[in-house]
N, C-alpha and C. Protein backbone atom coordinates (compact mmCIF):
# COMPACT_ATOMS: atom_id res chain seq x y z
N MET A 1 34.76 21.16 22.05
CA MET A 1 33.36 20.77 22.04
C MET A 1 32.47 21.98 21.73
N LYS A 2 32.81 23.13 22.28
CA LYS A 2 32.02 24.34 22.01
C LYS A 2 32.12 24.73 20.55
N THR A 3 33.27 24.47 19.96
CA THR A 3 33.45 24.80 18.55
C THR A 3 32.54 23.94 17.67
N LEU A 4 32.41 22.66 18.01
CA LEU A 4 31.52 21.78 17.25
C LEU A 4 30.07 22.21 17.37
N LYS A 5 29.66 22.66 18.54
CA LYS A 5 28.29 23.13 18.72
C LYS A 5 28.04 24.38 17.90
N LYS A 6 29.03 25.27 17.85
CA LYS A 6 28.88 26.49 17.05
C LYS A 6 28.79 26.15 15.57
N ILE A 7 29.63 25.23 15.13
CA ILE A 7 29.59 24.83 13.72
C ILE A 7 28.26 24.16 13.40
N GLY A 8 27.77 23.31 14.32
CA GLY A 8 26.50 22.65 14.12
C GLY A 8 25.34 23.62 14.05
N LYS A 9 25.40 24.69 14.85
CA LYS A 9 24.33 25.69 14.83
C LYS A 9 24.32 26.46 13.52
N ILE A 10 25.45 26.54 12.87
CA ILE A 10 25.53 27.26 11.60
C ILE A 10 25.22 26.33 10.43
N VAL A 11 25.76 25.13 10.45
CA VAL A 11 25.65 24.22 9.31
C VAL A 11 24.25 23.61 9.20
N ALA A 12 23.64 23.23 10.31
CA ALA A 12 22.33 22.57 10.26
C ALA A 12 21.27 23.43 9.56
N PRO A 13 21.10 24.70 9.91
CA PRO A 13 20.11 25.50 9.19
C PRO A 13 20.45 25.68 7.71
N LEU A 14 21.73 25.78 7.40
CA LEU A 14 22.12 25.91 5.99
C LEU A 14 21.76 24.66 5.20
N VAL A 15 21.97 23.51 5.80
CA VAL A 15 21.63 22.26 5.12
C VAL A 15 20.11 22.18 4.92
N LEU A 16 19.34 22.53 5.92
CA LEU A 16 17.88 22.48 5.80
C LEU A 16 17.37 23.45 4.74
N VAL A 17 17.92 24.66 4.71
CA VAL A 17 17.51 25.65 3.71
C VAL A 17 17.90 25.18 2.32
N SER A 18 19.07 24.58 2.19
CA SER A 18 19.52 24.07 0.89
C SER A 18 18.61 22.97 0.40
N ILE A 19 18.24 22.05 1.27
CA ILE A 19 17.34 20.96 0.87
C ILE A 19 15.98 21.51 0.46
N PHE A 20 15.46 22.48 1.23
CA PHE A 20 14.18 23.09 0.90
C PHE A 20 14.25 23.79 -0.45
N ALA A 21 15.31 24.53 -0.69
CA ALA A 21 15.46 25.26 -1.95
C ALA A 21 15.57 24.30 -3.13
N LEU A 22 16.32 23.23 -2.94
CA LEU A 22 16.50 22.26 -4.02
C LEU A 22 15.18 21.58 -4.36
N THR A 23 14.44 21.11 -3.35
CA THR A 23 13.18 20.41 -3.63
C THR A 23 12.13 21.36 -4.20
N THR A 24 12.10 22.59 -3.72
CA THR A 24 11.15 23.57 -4.26
C THR A 24 11.48 23.89 -5.71
N GLY A 25 12.76 24.06 -6.00
CA GLY A 25 13.18 24.35 -7.37
C GLY A 25 12.85 23.21 -8.32
N VAL A 26 13.06 21.99 -7.89
CA VAL A 26 12.74 20.84 -8.73
C VAL A 26 11.23 20.75 -8.96
N ALA A 27 10.45 20.99 -7.93
CA ALA A 27 9.00 20.92 -8.07
C ALA A 27 8.49 22.01 -9.02
N LEU A 28 9.01 23.21 -8.90
CA LEU A 28 8.59 24.28 -9.79
C LEU A 28 9.04 24.04 -11.21
N ALA A 29 10.24 23.50 -11.38
CA ALA A 29 10.74 23.22 -12.73
C ALA A 29 9.93 22.12 -13.39
N ALA A 30 9.51 21.13 -12.63
CA ALA A 30 8.72 20.04 -13.20
C ALA A 30 7.40 20.56 -13.74
N ASN A 31 6.81 21.53 -13.07
CA ASN A 31 5.54 22.10 -13.53
C ASN A 31 5.72 23.04 -14.70
N ALA A 32 6.91 23.60 -14.86
CA ALA A 32 7.12 24.60 -15.90
C ALA A 32 7.57 23.99 -17.22
N TRP A 33 7.87 22.70 -17.29
CA TRP A 33 8.44 22.12 -18.50
C TRP A 33 7.42 21.74 -19.55
N GLY A 34 6.19 21.76 -19.25
CA GLY A 34 5.22 21.39 -20.26
C GLY A 34 3.82 21.76 -19.82
N PRO A 35 2.89 21.59 -20.74
CA PRO A 35 1.52 21.90 -20.37
C PRO A 35 1.00 20.89 -19.36
N PRO A 36 0.07 21.30 -18.55
CA PRO A 36 -0.47 20.35 -17.58
C PRO A 36 -1.19 19.21 -18.30
N THR A 37 -1.01 18.03 -17.79
CA THR A 37 -1.63 16.86 -18.41
C THR A 37 -2.68 16.30 -17.46
N GLN A 38 -3.62 15.58 -18.05
CA GLN A 38 -4.65 14.95 -17.23
C GLN A 38 -4.07 13.70 -16.58
N PRO A 39 -4.37 13.47 -15.32
CA PRO A 39 -3.86 12.26 -14.68
C PRO A 39 -4.35 11.01 -15.41
N THR A 40 -3.52 9.96 -15.40
CA THR A 40 -3.87 8.76 -16.15
C THR A 40 -4.84 7.86 -15.40
N ASN A 41 -5.02 8.07 -14.10
CA ASN A 41 -5.89 7.18 -13.34
C ASN A 41 -7.32 7.69 -13.21
N VAL A 42 -7.67 8.71 -13.95
CA VAL A 42 -9.03 9.24 -13.92
C VAL A 42 -9.89 8.41 -14.88
N PRO A 43 -10.94 7.78 -14.39
CA PRO A 43 -11.75 6.96 -15.29
C PRO A 43 -12.51 7.83 -16.28
N ASN A 44 -12.59 7.34 -17.53
CA ASN A 44 -13.28 8.12 -18.55
C ASN A 44 -14.61 7.49 -18.96
N ASN A 45 -14.97 6.35 -18.34
CA ASN A 45 -16.28 5.77 -18.60
C ASN A 45 -16.73 5.00 -17.36
N LEU A 46 -17.95 4.52 -17.42
CA LEU A 46 -18.53 3.83 -16.26
C LEU A 46 -17.79 2.53 -15.94
N ALA A 47 -17.38 1.81 -16.96
CA ALA A 47 -16.68 0.54 -16.74
C ALA A 47 -15.36 0.76 -16.01
N SER A 48 -14.63 1.78 -16.38
CA SER A 48 -13.36 2.08 -15.70
C SER A 48 -13.60 2.50 -14.26
N ALA A 49 -14.64 3.26 -14.01
CA ALA A 49 -14.95 3.67 -12.64
C ALA A 49 -15.32 2.46 -11.79
N ILE A 50 -16.10 1.55 -12.35
CA ILE A 50 -16.47 0.33 -11.61
C ILE A 50 -15.24 -0.52 -11.35
N LEU A 51 -14.33 -0.61 -12.34
CA LEU A 51 -13.09 -1.37 -12.15
C LEU A 51 -12.23 -0.76 -11.06
N ASN A 52 -12.15 0.56 -11.02
CA ASN A 52 -11.36 1.22 -9.96
C ASN A 52 -11.93 0.92 -8.57
N VAL A 53 -13.25 1.03 -8.43
CA VAL A 53 -13.87 0.77 -7.13
C VAL A 53 -13.70 -0.70 -6.75
N THR A 54 -13.88 -1.59 -7.70
CA THR A 54 -13.73 -3.02 -7.43
C THR A 54 -12.30 -3.35 -7.03
N ASN A 55 -11.33 -2.78 -7.73
CA ASN A 55 -9.92 -3.02 -7.37
C ASN A 55 -9.63 -2.53 -5.96
N TRP A 56 -10.18 -1.40 -5.58
CA TRP A 56 -9.94 -0.88 -4.24
C TRP A 56 -10.55 -1.81 -3.19
N ILE A 57 -11.77 -2.23 -3.43
CA ILE A 57 -12.44 -3.12 -2.47
C ILE A 57 -11.71 -4.45 -2.36
N LEU A 58 -11.33 -5.03 -3.50
CA LEU A 58 -10.63 -6.31 -3.48
C LEU A 58 -9.24 -6.18 -2.86
N GLY A 59 -8.60 -5.05 -3.06
CA GLY A 59 -7.32 -4.82 -2.39
C GLY A 59 -7.48 -4.77 -0.88
N PHE A 60 -8.54 -4.13 -0.43
CA PHE A 60 -8.83 -4.07 1.01
C PHE A 60 -9.12 -5.46 1.56
N ILE A 61 -9.90 -6.25 0.82
CA ILE A 61 -10.20 -7.61 1.26
C ILE A 61 -8.93 -8.45 1.30
N GLY A 62 -8.05 -8.28 0.32
CA GLY A 62 -6.79 -9.00 0.32
C GLY A 62 -5.92 -8.62 1.50
N LEU A 63 -5.92 -7.34 1.85
CA LEU A 63 -5.17 -6.89 3.02
C LEU A 63 -5.71 -7.52 4.29
N ILE A 64 -7.02 -7.56 4.42
CA ILE A 64 -7.63 -8.19 5.60
C ILE A 64 -7.26 -9.67 5.66
N ALA A 65 -7.26 -10.35 4.51
CA ALA A 65 -6.91 -11.78 4.49
C ALA A 65 -5.47 -11.99 4.91
N VAL A 66 -4.57 -11.14 4.46
CA VAL A 66 -3.17 -11.26 4.86
C VAL A 66 -3.02 -11.01 6.36
N LEU A 67 -3.74 -10.03 6.88
CA LEU A 67 -3.68 -9.77 8.32
C LEU A 67 -4.23 -10.95 9.12
N ILE A 68 -5.25 -11.62 8.60
CA ILE A 68 -5.78 -12.81 9.28
C ILE A 68 -4.74 -13.93 9.28
N ILE A 69 -4.04 -14.09 8.16
CA ILE A 69 -2.99 -15.11 8.11
C ILE A 69 -1.89 -14.79 9.11
N ILE A 70 -1.50 -13.53 9.20
CA ILE A 70 -0.48 -13.13 10.17
C ILE A 70 -0.97 -13.38 11.59
N TRP A 71 -2.24 -13.06 11.86
CA TRP A 71 -2.79 -13.30 13.19
C TRP A 71 -2.79 -14.80 13.52
N GLY A 72 -3.11 -15.62 12.54
CA GLY A 72 -3.06 -17.06 12.75
C GLY A 72 -1.64 -17.53 13.05
N GLY A 73 -0.65 -16.92 12.40
CA GLY A 73 0.74 -17.25 12.69
C GLY A 73 1.13 -16.86 14.10
N VAL A 74 0.66 -15.70 14.54
CA VAL A 74 0.94 -15.27 15.92
C VAL A 74 0.29 -16.22 16.92
N LEU A 75 -0.95 -16.62 16.64
CA LEU A 75 -1.62 -17.58 17.52
C LEU A 75 -0.86 -18.91 17.56
N TYR A 76 -0.36 -19.34 16.41
CA TYR A 76 0.37 -20.60 16.36
C TYR A 76 1.68 -20.52 17.14
N LEU A 77 2.36 -19.37 17.01
CA LEU A 77 3.63 -19.21 17.72
C LEU A 77 3.44 -19.12 19.24
N THR A 78 2.33 -18.57 19.66
CA THR A 78 2.09 -18.41 21.10
C THR A 78 1.30 -19.56 21.70
N ALA A 79 1.03 -20.61 20.91
CA ALA A 79 0.24 -21.73 21.41
C ALA A 79 0.99 -22.51 22.48
N ALA A 80 2.29 -22.58 22.39
CA ALA A 80 3.13 -23.28 23.38
C ALA A 80 2.70 -24.72 23.59
N GLY A 81 2.35 -25.39 22.49
CA GLY A 81 2.00 -26.80 22.59
C GLY A 81 0.56 -27.08 22.96
N ASN A 82 -0.24 -26.09 23.21
CA ASN A 82 -1.65 -26.28 23.55
C ASN A 82 -2.39 -26.72 22.28
N GLU A 83 -2.97 -27.90 22.32
CA GLU A 83 -3.61 -28.49 21.14
C GLU A 83 -4.80 -27.67 20.65
N ASP A 84 -5.61 -27.17 21.57
CA ASP A 84 -6.79 -26.39 21.17
C ASP A 84 -6.39 -25.09 20.49
N GLN A 85 -5.40 -24.41 21.06
CA GLN A 85 -4.96 -23.14 20.47
C GLN A 85 -4.25 -23.37 19.14
N THR A 86 -3.52 -24.48 19.03
CA THR A 86 -2.86 -24.82 17.76
C THR A 86 -3.90 -25.10 16.68
N ALA A 87 -4.95 -25.81 17.03
CA ALA A 87 -6.01 -26.10 16.07
C ALA A 87 -6.72 -24.81 15.64
N THR A 88 -6.96 -23.92 16.60
CA THR A 88 -7.58 -22.64 16.27
C THR A 88 -6.69 -21.83 15.34
N ALA A 89 -5.39 -21.85 15.60
CA ALA A 89 -4.45 -21.10 14.76
C ALA A 89 -4.42 -21.67 13.34
N LYS A 90 -4.38 -22.98 13.22
CA LYS A 90 -4.38 -23.59 11.90
C LYS A 90 -5.66 -23.28 11.14
N LYS A 91 -6.79 -23.29 11.84
CA LYS A 91 -8.07 -22.97 11.21
C LYS A 91 -8.08 -21.50 10.75
N THR A 92 -7.52 -20.61 11.57
CA THR A 92 -7.45 -19.20 11.20
C THR A 92 -6.58 -19.00 9.96
N ILE A 93 -5.44 -19.67 9.91
CA ILE A 93 -4.57 -19.55 8.74
C ILE A 93 -5.27 -20.10 7.50
N THR A 94 -5.97 -21.22 7.65
CA THR A 94 -6.69 -21.82 6.52
C THR A 94 -7.75 -20.87 5.98
N TRP A 95 -8.53 -20.27 6.87
CA TRP A 95 -9.56 -19.32 6.43
C TRP A 95 -8.95 -18.07 5.79
N GLY A 96 -7.82 -17.62 6.31
CA GLY A 96 -7.15 -16.47 5.70
C GLY A 96 -6.66 -16.78 4.30
N ILE A 97 -6.10 -17.98 4.11
CA ILE A 97 -5.65 -18.37 2.77
C ILE A 97 -6.83 -18.51 1.82
N MET A 98 -7.93 -19.08 2.32
CA MET A 98 -9.13 -19.19 1.48
C MET A 98 -9.65 -17.80 1.09
N GLY A 99 -9.64 -16.86 2.01
CA GLY A 99 -10.07 -15.50 1.69
C GLY A 99 -9.16 -14.85 0.65
N LEU A 100 -7.87 -15.09 0.75
CA LEU A 100 -6.92 -14.54 -0.21
C LEU A 100 -7.15 -15.14 -1.59
N VAL A 101 -7.40 -16.43 -1.65
CA VAL A 101 -7.67 -17.09 -2.94
C VAL A 101 -8.97 -16.57 -3.54
N ILE A 102 -9.99 -16.42 -2.73
CA ILE A 102 -11.27 -15.92 -3.23
C ILE A 102 -11.13 -14.48 -3.73
N ALA A 103 -10.38 -13.65 -3.02
CA ALA A 103 -10.16 -12.27 -3.47
C ALA A 103 -9.39 -12.26 -4.79
N GLY A 104 -8.41 -13.14 -4.93
CA GLY A 104 -7.66 -13.23 -6.18
C GLY A 104 -8.53 -13.68 -7.34
N LEU A 105 -9.38 -14.68 -7.09
CA LEU A 105 -10.29 -15.14 -8.14
C LEU A 105 -11.31 -14.05 -8.51
N ALA A 106 -11.79 -13.33 -7.52
CA ALA A 106 -12.73 -12.24 -7.80
C ALA A 106 -12.06 -11.17 -8.66
N TYR A 107 -10.80 -10.86 -8.35
CA TYR A 107 -10.07 -9.87 -9.16
C TYR A 107 -9.92 -10.39 -10.59
N ALA A 108 -9.58 -11.67 -10.74
CA ALA A 108 -9.42 -12.24 -12.08
C ALA A 108 -10.72 -12.19 -12.86
N ILE A 109 -11.83 -12.51 -12.21
CA ILE A 109 -13.12 -12.49 -12.89
C ILE A 109 -13.48 -11.07 -13.33
N VAL A 110 -13.28 -10.11 -12.45
CA VAL A 110 -13.59 -8.72 -12.80
C VAL A 110 -12.68 -8.25 -13.93
N TYR A 111 -11.41 -8.61 -13.89
CA TYR A 111 -10.48 -8.18 -14.93
C TYR A 111 -10.85 -8.79 -16.28
N VAL A 112 -11.22 -10.07 -16.28
CA VAL A 112 -11.61 -10.72 -17.54
C VAL A 112 -12.87 -10.08 -18.09
N ILE A 113 -13.85 -9.84 -17.25
CA ILE A 113 -15.08 -9.19 -17.72
C ILE A 113 -14.78 -7.79 -18.24
N TYR A 114 -13.89 -7.07 -17.58
CA TYR A 114 -13.55 -5.71 -18.02
C TYR A 114 -12.86 -5.74 -19.38
N THR A 115 -11.93 -6.67 -19.57
CA THR A 115 -11.21 -6.71 -20.85
C THR A 115 -12.12 -7.17 -21.98
N VAL A 116 -13.08 -8.02 -21.70
CA VAL A 116 -14.01 -8.46 -22.75
C VAL A 116 -14.99 -7.33 -23.06
N TRP A 117 -15.43 -6.58 -22.04
CA TRP A 117 -16.41 -5.53 -22.23
C TRP A 117 -15.80 -4.33 -22.97
N ILE A 118 -14.59 -3.98 -22.63
CA ILE A 118 -13.96 -2.79 -23.23
C ILE A 118 -13.20 -3.15 -24.44
């Protein structure tokens, strides 16, 4: 058992140093292979900037809608046959789905306007 501890004390730092050296070498090599390029997600006009902000906001709204649907599912599972709580859970799920549909339609409208404008 003492031998395994001694081997572990030697091997573990070597493995960590090797992983660090490998990842650092790959990162440095990736930067050295060509000229620096401009990131592709940087907006170059006002319409692209508005589309980026709108996509972020709609993504956040979609996330909230999914969390509401999950919360409604939790309420439904914990209702234990209580009619009032089951009705509340179903209403919560319905509103969450409606929010998700509205966020999807808003994204579609913004995307169509963006493609027609640009």
